[in-house]
Amino acid sequence: MVHAPFITLTPPPGVTHGNHLKDMFVCHESVTYNLPGLRDLTQLENILKGEGYWIHGITDSEGHRAWNKGHGTDIYYHAGGVNTRAVGCENISEITIMLDKDLISRIEAHELWLKRDHQLNALAMMMACWHNADKKNHPLIRSNGDSPGVCSHWDVSQHHPESTGHWDCRPLDKGGHSPLAHTIGLAKHLALTYEF
């Protein structure tokens, strides 16, 4: 398996709101365009900095992985209601933009995600690393958005009014388009196969 380069993110001043042990991994869709190379990651970093938010990890369609190495317990504002207990990973994607404009159907959006094998592998790799760092507290199981494990921002919105209105990464099996179950399956395989 060939991996794109790993990039270390550095949180800017003012975006960290303490530290707390994590038991949730929340997947997000950036609703920004994939750009060649690292330009899409830089663009998203600048957007987050400008709004006073931050995120633990980022992936793009080329399979680039960016992570706040050494900051896994940092509290960032990314998913209202679970910021204290959850890490967040933005997945750069214009798929939701196309959905919003009715250019594609939900099933077509799911099929587009499945074609992004580099990005899904990058996300699965980050989930696997997160799990292997603390297997007891970082379970590679589906979370309902209020329980330990891996979930989408949409899942969190079902339980926490602070996140209401966010539907990014809504799973296919819950009426959305995100291949969350597929990605968790990849992560379980990677967690068993590789030493991180």
Foldseek 3Di string as FASTA:
>chain_A
DDADDEAEDDDDPQFFDDFAEAQEEAEFEQLADADPDCPVVVVSVVVQVVVSFDAQWEAELQQYIYGNPPCVGTQTPDAPPCSNHYGYYYYYDNLVVCVVVVVDDQQVSLVVQVVSVSRLLSVLQVLLVQCLVPVVRHPLDEDQLPDGHYYYSLSVLVPGVVSPPGCGQPDVVNVGRHPSVVSSVSSVVCNVVDDD
